[in-house]
Protein backbone atom coordinates (compact mmCIF):
# COMPACT_ATOMS: atom_id res chain seq x y z
CA MET A 1 -22.32 -14.09 60.97
CA SER A 2 -19.17 -14.45 58.86
CA ALA A 3 -15.51 -14.32 59.78
CA ARG A 4 -12.59 -13.26 57.62
CA ILE A 5 -8.89 -12.98 58.22
CA ILE A 6 -7.45 -9.61 57.23
CA HIS A 7 -3.71 -9.05 57.66
CA GLY A 8 -3.42 -11.78 60.25
CA ARG A 9 -6.39 -10.61 62.33
CA ARG A 10 -9.69 -12.37 62.56
CA THR A 11 -12.66 -10.02 62.17
CA THR A 12 -16.27 -10.90 62.73
CA ILE A 13 -19.13 -9.11 61.01
CA THR A 14 -22.26 -9.39 63.13
CA SER A 15 -24.68 -7.04 61.44
CA LEU A 16 -24.31 -5.30 58.12
CA GLY A 17 -27.49 -3.32 58.83
CA ALA A 18 -25.80 -1.47 61.70
CA LEU A 19 -23.00 -0.31 59.40
CA VAL A 20 -25.15 1.11 56.60
CA PRO A 21 -26.09 4.42 58.33
CA ILE A 22 -22.49 4.99 59.39
CA LEU A 23 -21.16 4.32 55.89
CA ALA A 24 -23.81 6.56 54.35
CA ALA A 25 -22.84 9.44 56.67
CA CYS A 26 -19.16 9.02 55.78
CA ALA A 27 -19.91 8.94 52.06
CA HIS A 28 -21.63 12.34 52.20
CA ALA A 29 -19.07 14.07 54.42
CA ASP A 30 -16.56 16.36 52.73
CA PRO A 31 -13.08 14.87 52.93
CA PRO A 32 -10.52 16.95 54.78
CA PRO A 33 -8.19 18.86 52.48
CA SER A 34 -5.01 16.96 51.69
CA PRO A 35 -1.86 18.74 52.72
CA GLN A 36 0.27 19.55 49.71
CA PRO A 37 3.57 17.69 49.88
CA ASP A 38 6.84 19.58 49.75
CA CYS A 39 8.21 18.50 46.39
CA ALA A 40 11.32 20.64 46.43
CA ALA A 41 13.66 18.05 44.91
CA THR A 42 13.29 17.11 41.28
CA TYR A 43 13.13 13.66 39.72
CA ASP A 44 16.46 12.70 38.19
CA GLU A 45 16.46 9.53 36.09
CA ALA A 46 20.19 9.83 35.47
CA ALA A 47 20.85 9.74 39.24
CA ILE A 48 18.75 6.59 39.55
CA VAL A 49 20.62 4.83 36.74
CA ALA A 50 23.89 6.02 38.29
CA VAL A 51 23.10 3.99 41.44
CA LEU A 52 22.93 0.82 39.35
CA ASP A 53 26.03 1.79 37.34
CA SER A 54 27.96 2.33 40.59
CA GLN A 55 26.80 -1.05 41.86
CA ARG A 56 27.96 -2.78 38.67
CA GLU A 57 31.34 -1.05 38.81
CA ALA A 58 31.84 -1.96 42.47
CA TRP A 59 30.83 -5.58 41.86
CA ASN A 60 33.20 -5.93 38.94
CA ALA A 61 36.02 -4.52 41.10
CA GLY A 62 35.32 -7.16 43.77
CA ASP A 63 33.98 -4.50 46.16
CA LEU A 64 30.93 -6.06 47.81
CA ASP A 65 30.52 -3.20 50.30
CA GLY A 66 30.59 -0.71 47.41
CA TYR A 67 27.91 -2.75 45.63
CA LEU A 68 25.76 -2.87 48.77
CA ALA A 69 26.06 0.92 49.20
CA GLY A 70 23.21 1.23 46.67
CA TYR A 71 20.79 -0.36 49.14
CA GLU A 72 18.96 1.29 52.02
CA GLU A 73 20.87 0.27 55.13
CA SER A 74 17.86 -0.53 57.33
CA ASP A 75 15.71 -3.37 58.62
CA ALA A 76 13.01 -2.30 56.14
CA LEU A 77 14.99 -3.35 53.04
CA LEU A 78 13.23 -6.17 51.13
CA PHE A 79 15.04 -8.56 48.80
CA THR A 80 13.31 -11.42 47.02
CA SER A 81 15.07 -14.03 44.96
CA GLY A 82 14.74 -17.78 44.42
CA ALA A 83 11.27 -17.82 46.06
CA LYS A 84 12.83 -16.49 49.29
CA ILE A 85 12.12 -13.18 50.97
CA ARG A 86 14.90 -11.52 52.93
CA GLN A 87 14.23 -8.54 55.14
CA GLY A 88 16.82 -6.10 56.32
CA PHE A 89 20.19 -4.93 55.12
CA ALA A 90 22.18 -7.23 57.41
CA GLU A 91 20.46 -10.38 56.13
CA THR A 92 20.89 -9.27 52.51
CA ARG A 93 24.59 -8.51 53.07
CA ASP A 94 25.17 -11.85 54.82
CA LYS A 95 23.53 -13.82 51.98
CA TYR A 96 25.62 -12.00 49.36
CA ARG A 97 28.83 -12.69 51.32
CA ALA A 98 27.99 -16.36 51.79
CA ARG A 99 27.18 -16.90 48.12
CA TYR A 100 29.68 -14.67 46.30
CA GLY A 101 32.46 -13.87 48.76
CA GLU A 102 34.20 -10.51 48.69
CA ALA A 103 36.80 -10.89 45.99
CA ARG A 104 36.89 -10.24 42.26
CA GLU A 105 37.72 -13.92 41.62
CA THR A 106 34.57 -15.22 43.37
CA MET A 107 32.18 -12.41 42.45
CA GLY A 108 32.68 -12.59 38.68
CA THR A 109 31.55 -10.01 36.14
CA LEU A 110 28.13 -8.37 36.41
CA GLY A 111 26.27 -6.66 33.58
CA PHE A 112 22.92 -4.82 33.54
CA GLU A 113 20.57 -3.85 30.76
CA ILE A 114 18.11 -1.20 31.94
CA LEU A 115 14.74 -1.70 30.20
CA ASP A 116 12.52 0.86 31.96
CA VAL A 117 12.79 3.55 34.63
CA ARG A 118 9.54 5.00 35.95
CA ALA A 119 8.91 7.73 38.53
CA LEU A 120 6.51 6.92 41.37
CA GLY A 121 4.66 9.05 43.88
CA ARG A 122 3.15 12.50 43.86
CA CYS A 123 6.56 14.09 44.32
CA GLN A 124 8.30 11.57 42.09
CA ASP A 125 10.50 10.69 45.06
CA ALA A 126 10.50 7.00 44.21
CA ALA A 127 11.14 5.02 41.06
CA VAL A 128 10.87 1.48 39.77
CA VAL A 129 13.55 0.11 37.47
CA LEU A 130 13.13 -2.98 35.30
CA GLY A 131 16.16 -4.64 33.81
CA ARG A 132 18.11 -7.73 32.88
CA TRP A 133 21.23 -8.94 34.67
CA ALA A 134 23.99 -11.32 33.65
CA LEU A 135 26.76 -12.69 35.84
CA SER A 136 29.77 -14.49 34.31
CA ASP A 137 33.27 -15.65 35.25
CA THR A 138 32.12 -17.30 38.51
CA PRO A 139 30.66 -20.66 39.56
CA GLU A 140 27.54 -18.66 40.48
CA ALA A 141 27.11 -17.44 36.86
CA GLY A 142 23.58 -16.86 35.62
CA ALA A 143 21.23 -14.35 34.09
CA GLY A 144 17.70 -13.10 34.61
CA VAL A 145 15.52 -10.09 35.25
CA PHE A 146 15.16 -7.69 38.14
CA SER A 147 12.92 -4.93 39.33
CA VAL A 148 14.07 -2.55 42.03
CA ILE A 149 12.28 0.25 43.80
CA LEU A 150 14.40 3.21 44.79
CA GLU A 151 13.45 6.05 47.12
CA ARG A 152 15.08 9.43 47.38
CA HIS A 153 16.46 9.87 50.89
CA ALA A 154 17.85 13.35 51.42
CA ASP A 155 20.25 13.86 48.52
CA ARG A 156 20.64 10.25 47.31
CA TRP A 157 18.59 7.44 45.80
CA GLU A 158 18.60 4.07 47.59
CA ILE A 159 17.17 0.68 46.68
CA VAL A 160 14.46 -0.23 49.19
CA HIS A 161 13.04 -3.30 47.40
CA ASP A 162 14.82 -5.71 45.06
CA HIS A 163 13.11 -8.57 43.24
CA THR A 164 15.56 -10.63 41.20
CA SER A 165 14.68 -13.72 39.15
CA ALA A 166 17.06 -16.11 37.44
CA MET A 167 16.38 -17.73 34.10
CA LEU A 168 15.95 -21.47 34.35
CA PRO A 169 18.55 -23.57 32.53
CA PRO A 170 17.35 -24.94 29.18
């Protein structure tokens, strides 16, 4: 008997021999037909890049709420940076406010370089963006790389996952 932990649950395998006939039956069964997704909307790379452009413009105007408008406003939002994982829009917003404030003088100047934009999913209703960021004119200045995942929700693209890394000082 062996025990493994899978996604926080402990499972015990008592007899592999009992599973073999069941697995064999499943392997020979015809899979049910997959429903075809409704892919009415089209993938629009320019709209995805426009989300990041709008964020940069809002940041550089000292408009933190405008910057945050590019993110999905839900508890499902994931943001990782500095070896920390934040979950939810409220926590992400609170961390931004605490670190950068809400004024042009404390937020500084943000720049992006988009390196790659790639469609994801059967309907291309998600995308991953890889880029570089640079922040200047603030005590929090720095630079690094980011990857964000955006999903199309109704008629707009929103960031649902943000992973940002800072370059280490030389």
